[in-house]
Amino acid sequence: MYTVENYIWGLVAYSLGCLLIAPLLWKFSRVALRWTPLRILFGLFVAAFLLTPIKAYQDMDFIAPAWVVAGFEMVRPTTVEGPFRALMPMMAAFLGLVLLYILFVVTRHFARR
C-alpha cells in the first residue's frame, strides 16, 4: 500500500504534468479552433477534464483525477453507478466553469459601459 508521502508526490507530479500540458493544448486550440468562444469552451473542458478530483475508493480519503477513476470504472466497475460516479463531477465542474465564464463576460461587458 502507498504511504501518504507517495500520495503527495504523485499529486505534485500530476499537477506539474497538467501545468506542462496546458500550454500545449492551448496552442493546439489556437491553431485548430479559430472561433474564440469554441476555443474557450475547449479550454474549460480540458481544465474540468484534467483537474476534477474524486475519491478513488469510497472507503478511503485519497483522491484521484476523475478521468482516471472513470477509466478504471469502465473496465472493472466497483459500484452500480460505474463510471457515472466520476463523470458526474466532471460535468458539474465543466458547467460551473462555463457559468463562471458567462458571469465574467457579462460583468466585463457592464464594466466597460
PDB file of N, CA and C in Angstrom:
ATOM      1  N   MET A   1       0.839  -1.176   0.000  1.00  0.00           N
ATOM      2  CA  MET A   1       0.000   0.000   0.000  1.00  0.00           C
ATOM      3  C   MET A   1       0.887   1.242   0.000  1.00  0.00           C
ATOM      4  N   TYR A   2       0.384   2.271  -0.590  1.00  0.00           N
ATOM      5  CA  TYR A   2       1.139   3.512  -0.665  1.00  0.00           C
ATOM      6  C   TYR A   2       1.029   4.298   0.633  1.00  0.00           C
ATOM      7  N   THR A   3       2.060   5.084   0.895  1.00  0.00           N
ATOM      8  CA  THR A   3       2.047   5.936   2.072  1.00  0.00           C
ATOM      9  C   THR A   3       1.508   7.306   1.686  1.00  0.00           C
ATOM     10  N   VAL A   4       1.303   8.136   2.683  1.00  0.00           N
ATOM     11  CA  VAL A   4       0.821   9.495   2.431  1.00  0.00           C
ATOM     12  C   VAL A   4       1.870  10.280   1.644  1.00  0.00           C
ATOM     13  N   GLU A   5       3.146  10.040   1.921  1.00  0.00           N
ATOM     14  CA  GLU A   5       4.207  10.733   1.187  1.00  0.00           C
ATOM     15  C   GLU A   5       4.184  10.356  -0.296  1.00  0.00           C
ATOM     16  N   ASN A   6       3.978   9.088  -0.597  1.00  0.00           N
ATOM     17  CA  ASN A   6       3.869   8.670  -2.000  1.00  0.00           C
ATOM     18  C   ASN A   6       2.679   9.346  -2.670  1.00  0.00           C
ATOM     19  N   TYR A   7       1.575   9.455  -1.947  1.00  0.00           N
ATOM     20  CA  TYR A   7       0.384  10.110  -2.476  1.00  0.00           C
ATOM     21  C   TYR A   7       0.664  11.581  -2.778  1.00  0.00           C
ATOM     22  N   ILE A   8       1.334  12.263  -1.862  1.00  0.00           N
ATOM     23  CA  ILE A   8       1.646  13.688  -2.067  1.00  0.00           C
ATOM     24  C   ILE A   8       2.569  13.861  -3.268  1.00  0.00           C
ATOM     25  N   TRP A   9       3.577  13.024  -3.413  1.00  0.00           N
ATOM     26  CA  TRP A   9       4.475  13.133  -4.562  1.00  0.00           C
ATOM     27  C   TRP A   9       3.749  12.825  -5.867  1.00  0.00           C
ATOM     28  N   GLY A  10       2.830  11.897  -5.843  1.00  0.00           N
ATOM     29  CA  GLY A  10       2.017  11.634  -7.029  1.00  0.00           C
ATOM     30  C   GLY A  10       1.147  12.821  -7.379  1.00  0.00           C
ATOM     31  N   LEU A  11       0.596  13.474  -6.365  1.00  0.00           N
ATOM     32  CA  LEU A  11      -0.212  14.673  -6.587  1.00  0.00           C
ATOM     33  C   LEU A  11       0.631  15.804  -7.164  1.00  0.00           C
ATOM     34  N   VAL A  12       1.840  15.975  -6.664  1.00  0.00           N
ATOM     35  CA  VAL A  12       2.746  17.001  -7.193  1.00  0.00           C
ATOM     36  C   VAL A  12       3.114  16.696  -8.640  1.00  0.00           C
ATOM     37  N   ALA A  13       3.433  15.452  -8.934  1.00  0.00           N
ATOM     38  CA  ALA A  13       3.798  15.077 -10.307  1.00  0.00           C
ATOM     39  C   ALA A  13       2.624  15.279 -11.260  1.00  0.00           C
ATOM     40  N   TYR A  14       1.419  14.923 -10.846  1.00  0.00           N
ATOM     41  CA  TYR A  14       0.247  15.110 -11.704  1.00  0.00           C
ATOM     42  C   TYR A  14      -0.024  16.594 -11.931  1.00  0.00           C
ATOM     43  N   SER A  15       0.114  17.409 -10.890  1.00  0.00           N
ATOM     44  CA  SER A  15      -0.100  18.854 -11.029  1.00  0.00           C
ATOM     45  C   SER A  15       0.914  19.466 -11.985  1.00  0.00           C
ATOM     46  N   LEU A  16       2.172  19.076 -11.860  1.00  0.00           N
ATOM     47  CA  LEU A  16       3.193  19.587 -12.779  1.00  0.00           C
ATOM     48  C   LEU A  16       2.930  19.123 -14.206  1.00  0.00           C
ATOM     49  N   GLY A  17       2.488  17.897 -14.366  1.00  0.00           N
ATOM     50  CA  GLY A  17       2.139  17.404 -15.696  1.00  0.00           C
ATOM     51  C   GLY A  17       1.007  18.202 -16.317  1.00  0.00           C
ATOM     52  N   CYS A  18       0.001  18.540 -15.517  1.00  0.00           N
ATOM     53  CA  CYS A  18      -1.107  19.366 -16.021  1.00  0.00           C
ATOM     54  C   CYS A  18      -0.624  20.759 -16.396  1.00  0.00           C
ATOM     55  N   LEU A  19       0.264  21.322 -15.576  1.00  0.00           N
ATOM     56  CA  LEU A  19       0.799  22.648 -15.895  1.00  0.00           C
ATOM     57  C   LEU A  19       1.649  22.628 -17.160  1.00  0.00           C
ATOM     58  N   LEU A  20       2.314  21.520 -17.432  1.00  0.00           N
ATOM     59  CA  LEU A  20       3.143  21.429 -18.630  1.00  0.00           C
ATOM     60  C   LEU A  20       2.325  21.149 -19.886  1.00  0.00           C
ATOM     61  N   ILE A  21       1.241  20.417 -19.757  1.00  0.00           N
ATOM     62  CA  ILE A  21       0.456  20.083 -20.946  1.00  0.00           C
ATOM     63  C   ILE A  21      -0.568  21.168 -21.293  1.00  0.00           C
ATOM     64  N   ALA A  22      -0.950  21.995 -20.340  1.00  0.00           N
ATOM     65  CA  ALA A  22      -1.954  23.034 -20.592  1.00  0.00           C
ATOM     66  C   ALA A  22      -1.528  24.020 -21.683  1.00  0.00           C
ATOM     67  N   PRO A  23      -0.294  24.555 -21.677  1.00  0.00           N
ATOM     68  CA  PRO A  23       0.083  25.466 -22.768  1.00  0.00           C
ATOM     69  C   PRO A  23       0.101  24.788 -24.136  1.00  0.00           C
ATOM     70  N   LEU A  24       0.470  23.515 -24.179  1.00  0.00           N
ATOM     71  CA  LEU A  24       0.464  22.800 -25.459  1.00  0.00           C
ATOM     72  C   LEU A  24      -0.955  22.648 -25.996  1.00  0.00           C
ATOM     73  N   LEU A  25      -1.889  22.306 -25.114  1.00  0.00           N
ATOM     74  CA  LEU A  25      -3.278  22.182 -25.546  1.00  0.00           C
ATOM     75  C   LEU A  25      -3.857  23.537 -25.936  1.00  0.00           C
ATOM     76  N   TRP A  26      -3.455  24.598 -25.236  1.00  0.00           N
ATOM     77  CA  TRP A  26      -3.929  25.934 -25.590  1.00  0.00           C
ATOM     78  C   TRP A  26      -3.387  26.349 -26.960  1.00  0.00           C
ATOM     79  N   LYS A  27      -2.135  26.065 -27.224  1.00  0.00           N
ATOM     80  CA  LYS A  27      -1.545  26.378 -28.531  1.00  0.00           C
ATOM     81  C   LYS A  27      -2.230  25.573 -29.632  1.00  0.00           C
ATOM     82  N   PHE A  28      -2.499  24.289 -29.363  1.00  0.00           N
ATOM     83  CA  PHE A  28      -3.212  23.458 -30.326  1.00  0.00           C
ATOM     84  C   PHE A  28      -4.597  24.022 -30.611  1.00  0.00           C
ATOM     85  N   SER A  29      -5.281  24.472 -29.569  1.00  0.00           N
ATOM     86  CA  SER A  29      -6.626  25.001 -29.775  1.00  0.00           C
ATOM     87  C   SER A  29      -6.599  26.310 -30.551  1.00  0.00           C
ATOM     88  N   ARG A  30      -5.549  27.094 -30.405  1.00  0.00           N
ATOM     89  CA  ARG A  30      -5.458  28.347 -31.173  1.00  0.00           C
ATOM     90  C   ARG A  30      -5.271  28.069 -32.654  1.00  0.00           C
ATOM     91  N   VAL A  31      -4.609  26.971 -32.985  1.00  0.00           N
ATOM     92  CA  VAL A  31      -4.398  26.608 -34.390  1.00  0.00           C
ATOM     93  C   VAL A  31      -5.623  25.890 -34.950  1.00  0.00           C
ATOM     94  N   ALA A  32      -6.165  24.948 -34.190  1.00  0.00           N
ATOM     95  CA  ALA A  32      -7.246  24.099 -34.703  1.00  0.00           C
ATOM     96  C   ALA A  32      -8.617  24.763 -34.627  1.00  0.00           C
ATOM     97  N   LEU A  33      -8.847  25.584 -33.615  1.00  0.00           N
ATOM     98  CA  LEU A  33     -10.159  26.208 -33.418  1.00  0.00           C
ATOM     99  C   LEU A  33     -10.024  27.713 -33.581  1.00  0.00           C
ATOM    100  N   ARG A  34     -10.514  28.230 -34.672  1.00  0.00           N
ATOM    101  CA  ARG A  34     -10.382  29.665 -34.933  1.00  0.00           C
ATOM    102  C   ARG A  34     -11.429  30.499 -34.209  1.00  0.00           C
ATOM    103  N   TRP A  35     -12.594  29.931 -33.954  1.00  0.00           N
ATOM    104  CA  TRP A  35     -13.676  30.682 -33.331  1.00  0.00           C
ATOM    105  C   TRP A  35     -13.415  30.775 -31.834  1.00  0.00           C
ATOM    106  N   THR A  36     -13.302  31.976 -31.300  1.00  0.00           N
ATOM    107  CA  THR A  36     -12.887  32.199 -29.918  1.00  0.00           C
ATOM    108  C   THR A  36     -13.806  31.545 -28.878  1.00  0.00           C
ATOM    109  N   PRO A  37     -15.137  31.669 -28.975  1.00  0.00           N
ATOM    110  CA  PRO A  37     -15.962  31.004 -27.945  1.00  0.00           C
ATOM    111  C   PRO A  37     -15.779  29.484 -27.913  1.00  0.00           C
ATOM    112  N   LEU A  38     -15.612  28.879 -29.071  1.00  0.00           N
ATOM    113  CA  LEU A  38     -15.381  27.434 -29.107  1.00  0.00           C
ATOM    114  C   LEU A  38     -14.026  27.084 -28.491  1.00  0.00           C
ATOM    115  N   ARG A  39     -13.040  27.930 -28.731  1.00  0.00           N
ATOM    116  CA  ARG A  39     -11.709  27.708 -28.160  1.00  0.00           C
ATOM    117  C   ARG A  39     -11.749  27.831 -26.636  1.00  0.00           C
ATOM    118  N   ILE A  40     -12.519  28.787 -26.128  1.00  0.00           N
ATOM    119  CA  ILE A  40     -12.629  28.955 -24.683  1.00  0.00           C
ATOM    120  C   ILE A  40     -13.378  27.779 -24.061  1.00  0.00           C
ATOM    121  N   LEU A  41     -14.435  27.312 -24.718  1.00  0.00           N
ATOM    122  CA  LEU A  41     -15.148  26.135 -24.219  1.00  0.00           C
ATOM    123  C   LEU A  41     -14.245  24.908 -24.205  1.00  0.00           C
ATOM    124  N   PHE A  42     -13.396  24.771 -25.222  1.00  0.00           N
ATOM    125  CA  PHE A  42     -12.443  23.660 -25.244  1.00  0.00           C
ATOM    126  C   PHE A  42     -11.475  23.766 -24.065  1.00  0.00           C
ATOM    127  N   GLY A  43     -10.978  24.966 -23.794  1.00  0.00           N
ATOM    128  CA  GLY A  43     -10.076  25.160 -22.659  1.00  0.00           C
ATOM    129  C   GLY A  43     -10.742  24.849 -21.328  1.00  0.00           C
ATOM    130  N   LEU A  44     -11.998  25.260 -21.181  1.00  0.00           N
ATOM    131  CA  LEU A  44     -12.728  24.958 -19.953  1.00  0.00           C
ATOM    132  C   LEU A  44     -12.975  23.457 -19.812  1.00  0.00           C
ATOM    133  N   PHE A  45     -13.268  22.802 -20.941  1.00  0.00           N
ATOM    134  CA  PHE A  45     -13.474  21.351 -20.898  1.00  0.00           C
ATOM    135  C   PHE A  45     -12.189  20.630 -20.500  1.00  0.00           C
ATOM    136  N   VAL A  46     -11.071  21.053 -21.064  1.00  0.00           N
ATOM    137  CA  VAL A  46      -9.786  20.426 -20.719  1.00  0.00           C
ATOM    138  C   VAL A  46      -9.469  20.638 -19.238  1.00  0.00           C
ATOM    139  N   ALA A  47      -9.727  21.860 -18.741  1.00  0.00           N
ATOM    140  CA  ALA A  47      -9.473  22.127 -17.324  1.00  0.00           C
ATOM    141  C   ALA A  47     -10.352  21.251 -16.437  1.00  0.00           C
ATOM    142  N   ALA A  48     -11.630  21.139 -16.775  1.00  0.00           N
ATOM    143  CA  ALA A  48     -12.524  20.291 -15.981  1.00  0.00           C
ATOM    144  C   ALA A  48     -12.131  18.824 -16.101  1.00  0.00           C
ATOM    145  N   PHE A  49     -11.714  18.407 -17.283  1.00  0.00           N
ATOM    146  CA  PHE A  49     -11.330  17.013 -17.510  1.00  0.00           C
ATOM    147  C   PHE A  49     -10.086  16.643 -16.709  1.00  0.00           C
ATOM    148  N   LEU A  50      -9.088  17.513 -16.732  1.00  0.00           N
ATOM    149  CA  LEU A  50      -7.817  17.187 -16.083  1.00  0.00           C
ATOM    150  C   LEU A  50      -7.815  17.427 -14.574  1.00  0.00           C
ATOM    151  N   LEU A  51      -8.552  18.426 -14.108  1.00  0.00           N
ATOM    152  CA  LEU A  51      -8.380  18.879 -12.730  1.00  0.00           C
ATOM    153  C   LEU A  51      -9.495  18.492 -11.769  1.00  0.00           C
ATOM    154  N   THR A  52     -10.511  17.777 -12.224  1.00  0.00           N
ATOM    155  CA  THR A  52     -11.594  17.387 -11.315  1.00  0.00           C
ATOM    156  C   THR A  52     -11.167  16.171 -10.491  1.00  0.00           C
ATOM    157  N   PRO A  53     -11.123  16.326  -9.160  1.00  0.00           N
ATOM    158  CA  PRO A  53     -10.753  15.181  -8.325  1.00  0.00           C
ATOM    159  C   PRO A  53     -11.989  14.431  -7.832  1.00  0.00           C
ATOM    160  N   ILE A  54     -11.789  13.198  -7.469  1.00  0.00           N
ATOM    161  CA  ILE A  54     -12.845  12.370  -6.882  1.00  0.00           C
ATOM    162  C   ILE A  54     -12.162  11.328  -6.002  1.00  0.00           C
ATOM    163  N   LYS A  55     -12.888  10.836  -5.023  1.00  0.00           N
ATOM    164  CA  LYS A  55     -12.333   9.759  -4.195  1.00  0.00           C
ATOM    165  C   LYS A  55     -12.164   8.513  -5.052  1.00  0.00           C
ATOM    166  N   ALA A  56     -10.978   7.964  -5.027  1.00  0.00           N
ATOM    167  CA  ALA A  56     -10.719   6.774  -5.834  1.00  0.00           C
ATOM    168  C   ALA A  56     -11.530   5.584  -5.326  1.00  0.00           C
ATOM    169  N   TYR A  57     -11.569   5.423  -4.034  1.00  0.00           N
ATOM    170  CA  TYR A  57     -12.380   4.379  -3.397  1.00  0.00           C
ATOM    171  C   TYR A  57     -13.240   5.061  -2.348  1.00  0.00           C
ATOM    172  N   GLN A  58     -14.448   4.612  -2.209  1.00  0.00           N
ATOM    173  CA  GLN A  58     -15.366   5.292  -1.299  1.00  0.00           C
ATOM    174  C   GLN A  58     -14.997   5.110   0.167  1.00  0.00           C
ATOM    175  N   ASP A  59     -14.206   4.107   0.490  1.00  0.00           N
ATOM    176  CA  ASP A  59     -13.827   3.889   1.882  1.00  0.00           C
ATOM    177  C   ASP A  59     -12.476   4.505   2.236  1.00  0.00           C
ATOM    178  N   MET A  60     -11.829   5.196   1.282  1.00  0.00           N
ATOM    179  CA  MET A  60     -10.529   5.822   1.532  1.00  0.00           C
ATOM    180  C   MET A  60     -10.640   7.328   1.348  1.00  0.00           C
ATOM    181  N   ASP A  61      -9.706   8.066   1.951  1.00  0.00           N
ATOM    182  CA  ASP A  61      -9.729   9.521   1.858  1.00  0.00           C
ATOM    183  C   ASP A  61      -8.900  10.059   0.704  1.00  0.00           C
ATOM    184  N   PHE A  62      -8.192   9.221  -0.017  1.00  0.00           N
ATOM    185  CA  PHE A  62      -7.343   9.686  -1.105  1.00  0.00           C
ATOM    186  C   PHE A  62      -8.185  10.028  -2.327  1.00  0.00           C
ATOM    187  N   ILE A  63      -7.772  11.092  -3.027  1.00  0.00           N
ATOM    188  CA  ILE A  63      -8.472  11.487  -4.244  1.00  0.00           C
ATOM    189  C   ILE A  63      -7.602  11.164  -5.453  1.00  0.00           C
ATOM    190  N   ALA A  64      -8.255  11.090  -6.596  1.00  0.00           N
ATOM    191  CA  ALA A  64      -7.574  10.809  -7.856  1.00  0.00           C
ATOM    192  C   ALA A  64      -8.272  11.618  -8.945  1.00  0.00           C
ATOM    193  N   PRO A  65      -7.619  11.817 -10.087  1.00  0.00           N
ATOM    194  CA  PRO A  65      -8.301  12.505 -11.186  1.00  0.00           C
ATOM    195  C   PRO A  65      -9.548  11.724 -11.603  1.00  0.00           C
ATOM    196  N   ALA A  66     -10.619  12.455 -11.865  1.00  0.00           N
ATOM    197  CA  ALA A  66     -11.899  11.801 -12.167  1.00  0.00           C
ATOM    198  C   ALA A  66     -11.826  10.991 -13.456  1.00  0.00           C
ATOM    199  N   TRP A  67     -11.027  11.446 -14.426  1.00  0.00           N
ATOM    200  CA  TRP A  67     -10.964  10.706 -15.687  1.00  0.00           C
ATOM    201  C   TRP A  67     -10.258   9.362 -15.500  1.00  0.00           C
ATOM    202  N   VAL A  68      -9.319   9.292 -14.576  1.00  0.00           N
ATOM    203  CA  VAL A  68      -8.641   8.021 -14.301  1.00  0.00           C
ATOM    204  C   VAL A  68      -9.605   7.060 -13.607  1.00  0.00           C
ATOM    205  N   VAL A  69     -10.348   7.584 -12.636  1.00  0.00           N
ATOM    206  CA  VAL A  69     -11.321   6.749 -11.932  1.00  0.00           C
ATOM    207  C   VAL A  69     -12.400   6.269 -12.901  1.00  0.00           C
ATOM    208  N   ALA A  70     -12.846   7.147 -13.812  1.00  0.00           N
ATOM    209  CA  ALA A  70     -13.857   6.748 -14.799  1.00  0.00           C
ATOM    210  C   ALA A  70     -13.319   5.648 -15.711  1.00  0.00           C
ATOM    211  N   GLY A  71     -12.065   5.754 -16.108  1.00  0.00           N
ATOM    212  CA  GLY A  71     -11.463   4.715 -16.942  1.00  0.00           C
ATOM    213  C   GLY A  71     -11.409   3.375 -16.239  1.00  0.00           C
ATOM    214  N   PHE A  72     -10.989   3.389 -14.975  1.00  0.00           N
ATOM    215  CA  PHE A  72     -10.954   2.138 -14.215  1.00  0.00           C
ATOM    216  C   PHE A  72     -12.357   1.594 -13.968  1.00  0.00           C
ATOM    217  N   GLU A  73     -13.313   2.487 -13.739  1.00  0.00           N
ATOM    218  CA  GLU A  73     -14.689   2.042 -13.508  1.00  0.00           C
ATOM    219  C   GLU A  73     -15.309   1.461 -14.775  1.00  0.00           C
ATOM    220  N   MET A  74     -14.878   1.926 -15.941  1.00  0.00           N
ATOM    221  CA  MET A  74     -15.390   1.346 -17.185  1.00  0.00           C
ATOM    222  C   MET A  74     -14.869  -0.076 -17.380  1.00  0.00           C
ATOM    223  N   VAL A  75     -13.610  -0.284 -17.015  1.00  0.00           N
ATOM    224  CA  VAL A  75     -13.006  -1.603 -17.179  1.00  0.00           C
ATOM    225  C   VAL A  75     -13.514  -2.581 -16.121  1.00  0.00           C
ATOM    226  N   ARG A  76     -13.515  -2.129 -14.884  1.00  0.00           N
ATOM    227  CA  ARG A  76     -13.902  -3.014 -13.774  1.00  0.00           C
ATOM    228  C   ARG A  76     -14.725  -2.224 -12.754  1.00  0.00           C
ATOM    229  N   PRO A  77     -16.041  -2.176 -12.926  1.00  0.00           N
ATOM    230  CA  PRO A  77     -16.883  -1.378 -12.022  1.00  0.00           C
ATOM    231  C   PRO A  77     -16.835  -1.898 -10.584  1.00  0.00           C
ATOM    232  N   THR A  78     -16.723  -0.961  -9.644  1.00  0.00           N
ATOM    233  CA  THR A  78     -16.740  -1.328  -8.229  1.00  0.00           C
ATOM    234  C   THR A  78     -18.090  -1.030  -7.594  1.00  0.00           C
ATOM    235  N   THR A  79     -18.883  -0.167  -8.233  1.00  0.00           N
ATOM    236  CA  THR A  79     -20.214   0.159  -7.727  1.00  0.00           C
ATOM    237  C   THR A  79     -21.227  -0.008  -8.854  1.00  0.00           C
ATOM    238  N   VAL A  80     -22.483   0.144  -8.507  1.00  0.00           N
ATOM    239  CA  VAL A  80     -23.545   0.024  -9.502  1.00  0.00           C
ATOM    240  C   VAL A  80     -23.482   1.184 -10.495  1.00  0.00           C
ATOM    241  N   GLU A  81     -23.116   2.363 -10.005  1.00  0.00           N
ATOM    242  CA  GLU A  81     -23.055   3.539 -10.872  1.00  0.00           C
ATOM    243  C   GLU A  81     -21.946   3.440 -11.906  1.00  0.00           C
ATOM    244  N   GLY A  82     -20.884   2.749 -11.573  1.00  0.00           N
ATOM    245  CA  GLY A  82     -19.767   2.585 -12.503  1.00  0.00           C
ATOM    246  C   GLY A  82     -19.096   3.904 -12.826  1.00  0.00           C
ATOM    247  N   PRO A  83     -18.864   4.186 -14.120  1.00  0.00           N
ATOM    248  CA  PRO A  83     -18.144   5.400 -14.494  1.00  0.00           C
ATOM    249  C   PRO A  83     -18.916   6.685 -14.234  1.00  0.00           C
ATOM    250  N   PHE A  84     -20.233   6.606 -14.068  1.00  0.00           N
ATOM    251  CA  PHE A  84     -21.007   7.822 -13.819  1.00  0.00           C
ATOM    252  C   PHE A  84     -20.663   8.444 -12.480  1.00  0.00           C
ATOM    253  N   ARG A  85     -20.118   7.658 -11.576  1.00  0.00           N
ATOM    254  CA  ARG A  85     -19.659   8.189 -10.289  1.00  0.00           C
ATOM    255  C   ARG A  85     -18.562   9.222 -10.498  1.00  0.00           C
ATOM    256  N   ALA A  86     -17.775   9.064 -11.546  1.00  0.00           N
ATOM    257  CA  ALA A  86     -16.691  10.002 -11.837  1.00  0.00           C
ATOM    258  C   ALA A  86     -17.087  11.016 -12.903  1.00  0.00           C
ATOM    259  N   LEU A  87     -17.954  10.638 -13.824  1.00  0.00           N
ATOM    260  CA  LEU A  87     -18.317  11.548 -14.910  1.00  0.00           C
ATOM    261  C   LEU A  87     -19.228  12.683 -14.450  1.00  0.00           C
ATOM    262  N   MET A  88     -20.076  12.437 -13.472  1.00  0.00           N
ATOM    263  CA  MET A  88     -20.981  13.477 -12.997  1.00  0.00           C
ATOM    264  C   MET A  88     -20.232  14.660 -12.368  1.00  0.00           C
ATOM    265  N   PRO A  89     -19.221  14.454 -11.517  1.00  0.00           N
ATOM    266  CA  PRO A  89     -18.467  15.606 -11.019  1.00  0.00           C
ATOM    267  C   PRO A  89     -17.726  16.360 -12.130  1.00  0.00           C
ATOM    268  N   MET A  90     -17.265  15.625 -13.155  1.00  0.00           N
ATOM    269  CA  MET A  90     -16.598  16.303 -14.272  1.00  0.00           C
ATOM    270  C   MET A  90     -17.585  17.182 -15.026  1.00  0.00           C
ATOM    271  N   MET A  91     -18.799  16.692 -15.243  1.00  0.00           N
ATOM    272  CA  MET A  91     -19.814  17.504 -15.920  1.00  0.00           C
ATOM    273  C   MET A  91     -20.206  18.701 -15.065  1.00  0.00           C
ATOM    274  N   ALA A  92     -20.322  18.506 -13.761  1.00  0.00           N
ATOM    275  CA  ALA A  92     -20.659  19.608 -12.865  1.00  0.00           C
ATOM    276  C   ALA A  92     -19.551  20.656 -12.856  1.00  0.00           C
ATOM    277  N   ALA A  93     -18.301  20.223 -12.857  1.00  0.00           N
ATOM    278  CA  ALA A  93     -17.182  21.168 -12.892  1.00  0.00           C
ATOM    279  C   ALA A  93     -17.172  21.944 -14.202  1.00  0.00           C
ATOM    280  N   PHE A  94     -17.433  21.263 -15.318  1.00  0.00           N
ATOM    281  CA  PHE A  94     -17.467  21.939 -16.615  1.00  0.00           C
ATOM    282  C   PHE A  94     -18.597  22.963 -16.663  1.00  0.00           C
ATOM    283  N   LEU A  95     -19.783  22.586 -16.220  1.00  0.00           N
ATOM    284  CA  LEU A  95     -20.902  23.530 -16.219  1.00  0.00           C
ATOM    285  C   LEU A  95     -20.644  24.697 -15.270  1.00  0.00           C
ATOM    286  N   GLY A  96     -20.017  24.434 -14.126  1.00  0.00           N
ATOM    287  CA  GLY A  96     -19.653  25.517 -13.217  1.00  0.00           C
ATOM    288  C   GLY A  96     -18.651  26.471 -13.840  1.00  0.00           C
ATOM    289  N   LEU A  97     -17.666  25.939 -14.548  1.00  0.00           N
ATOM    290  CA  LEU A  97     -16.694  26.798 -15.225  1.00  0.00           C
ATOM    291  C   LEU A  97     -17.346  27.616 -16.330  1.00  0.00           C
ATOM    292  N   VAL A  98     -18.281  27.023 -17.064  1.00  0.00           N
ATOM    293  CA  VAL A  98     -18.990  27.760 -18.116  1.00  0.00           C
ATOM    294  C   VAL A  98     -19.821  28.883 -17.499  1.00  0.00           C
ATOM    295  N   LEU A  99     -20.508  28.605 -16.396  1.00  0.00           N
ATOM    296  CA  LEU A  99     -21.289  29.653 -15.735  1.00  0.00           C
ATOM    297  C   LEU A  99     -20.396  30.768 -15.207  1.00  0.00           C
ATOM    298  N   LEU A 100     -19.248  30.421 -14.648  1.00  0.00           N
ATOM    299  CA  LEU A 100     -18.304  31.455 -14.200  1.00  0.00           C
ATOM    300  C   LEU A 100     -17.791  32.284 -15.365  1.00  0.00           C
ATOM    301  N   TYR A 101     -17.542  31.647 -16.502  1.00  0.00           N
ATOM    302  CA  TYR A 101     -17.089  32.383 -17.681  1.00  0.00           C
ATOM    303  C   TYR A 101     -18.180  33.321 -18.187  1.00  0.00           C
ATOM    304  N   ILE A 102     -19.426  32.851 -18.213  1.00  0.00           N
ATOM    305  CA  ILE A 102     -20.530  33.714 -18.644  1.00  0.00           C
ATOM    306  C   ILE A 102     -20.673  34.894 -17.692  1.00  0.00           C
ATOM    307  N   LEU A 103     -20.570  34.652 -16.398  1.00  0.00           N
ATOM    308  CA  LEU A 103     -20.623  35.732 -15.414  1.00  0.00           C
ATOM    309  C   LEU A 103     -19.486  36.720 -15.626  1.00  0.00           C
ATOM    310  N   PHE A 104     -18.293  36.226 -15.916  1.00  0.00           N
ATOM    311  CA  PHE A 104     -17.147  37.089 -16.193  1.00  0.00           C
ATOM    312  C   PHE A 104     -17.393  37.953 -17.421  1.00  0.00           C
ATOM    313  N   VAL A 105     -17.926  37.371 -18.488  1.00  0.00           N
ATOM    314  CA  VAL A 105     -18.177  38.119 -19.723  1.00  0.00           C
ATOM    315  C   VAL A 105     -19.239  39.185 -19.494  1.00  0.00           C
ATOM    316  N   VAL A 106     -20.295  38.848 -18.772  1.00  0.00           N
ATOM    317  CA  VAL A 106     -21.372  39.812 -18.523  1.00  0.00           C
ATOM    318  C   VAL A 106     -20.878  40.959 -17.655  1.00  0.00           C
ATOM    319  N   THR A 107     -20.136  40.665 -16.590  1.00  0.00           N
ATOM    320  CA  THR A 107     -19.627  41.745 -15.736  1.00  0.00           C
ATOM    321  C   THR A 107     -18.610  42.602 -16.472  1.00  0.00           C
ATOM    322  N   ARG A 108     -17.809  41.999 -17.320  1.00  0.00           N
ATOM    323  CA  ARG A 108     -16.856  42.783 -18.109  1.00  0.00           C
ATOM    324  C   ARG A 108     -17.586  43.690 -19.093  1.00  0.00           C
ATOM    325  N   HIS A 109     -18.689  43.193 -19.658  1.00  0.00           N
ATOM    326  CA  HIS A 109     -19.472  43.988 -20.602  1.00  0.00           C
ATOM    327  C   HIS A 109     -20.082  45.203 -19.904  1.00  0.00           C
ATOM    328  N   PHE A 110     -20.641  44.998 -18.702  1.00  0.00           N
ATOM    329  CA  PHE A 110     -21.254  46.113 -17.989  1.00  0.00           C
ATOM    330  C   PHE A 110     -20.216  47.040 -17.369  1.00  0.00           C
ATOM    331  N   ALA A 111     -19.038  46.561 -17.081  1.00  0.00           N
ATOM    332  CA  ALA A 111     -17.985  47.408 -16.523  1.00  0.00           C
ATOM    333  C   ALA A 111     -17.430  48.367 -17.564  1.00  0.00           C
ATOM    334  N   ARG A 112     -17.498  47.996 -18.822  1.00  0.00           N
ATOM    335  CA  ARG A 112     -16.990  48.867 -19.891  1.00  0.00           C
ATOM    336  C   ARG A 112     -17.935  50.023 -20.189  1.00  0.00           C
ATOM    337  N   ARG A 113     -19.181  49.917 -19.790  1.00  0.00           N
ATOM    338  CA  ARG A 113     -20.159  50.974 -20.101  1.00  0.00           C
ATOM    339  C   ARG A 113     -20.022  52.143 -19.217  1.00  0.00           C
TER     340      ARG A 113
END
